[in-house]
Amino acid sequence: EGPFASRARLRLGQLQLARGDLRRAAEHLVQLRTDDPGGALVPVSWVWTARVAESMGDAEIACEAWKRARASLEPADPARIEAERSRSLCEEPARQPGELVTYTVQLGAFGTEEAAVRLRDGAADIGVAVRVESPSGGVRVYRVRAGRFGSRESANMLARRFQGEGFDAIVVPEEP
């Protein structure tokens, strides 16, 4: 491909992320690692892969990419410092035995199912599974929610993605 192919792939991935085309950004970064697996830019490609995954709301892929970045970047590299800071986002908080806390992103709560379905359908256009939760416990509220996460920080990644698309999004604990 040439001596500058990896740098070009990295820049294309960064450009697509800036434009909001997350799928193409991820493809360029994967292609960089496929074409030049031992290349000098592979470690930094993991940082950008983590950023893309966070923008997609995919905490699992983001955490794996941050882990690979930490393992492959030099200690003095500024990107390594960012990867080290991400560690707290990916580590599960200590819980009591048997305690399971999950978080979800709530986009809205409505008195009618029709209003909730309209928001769900609009929000689903960004490529994330969005659900309407029916009223329970005597409360007549239809909640529009997305994702289930083991940590608040992971749920915040998806909330930021929705907020970037103009939606009001908050992270709430799920009821057991």
Foldseek 3Di string as FASTA:
>chain_A
DDDCLLVVLQVQLVVCVVVVVLVSSLVSLVVSCVVCVPDPCNLVSLLSQLVSCLLVLNLVSNLVSLVSNCVPDDPVDPSNVVSVVCVVLNDFDDDDVPDAKKKWKWQDKDLDPVVLVVVQVVLCVSPFHWDWDQDPPPDRIIIIIGDIGRDQSSNVSVCVNSVVVPTHIDMDIDDD
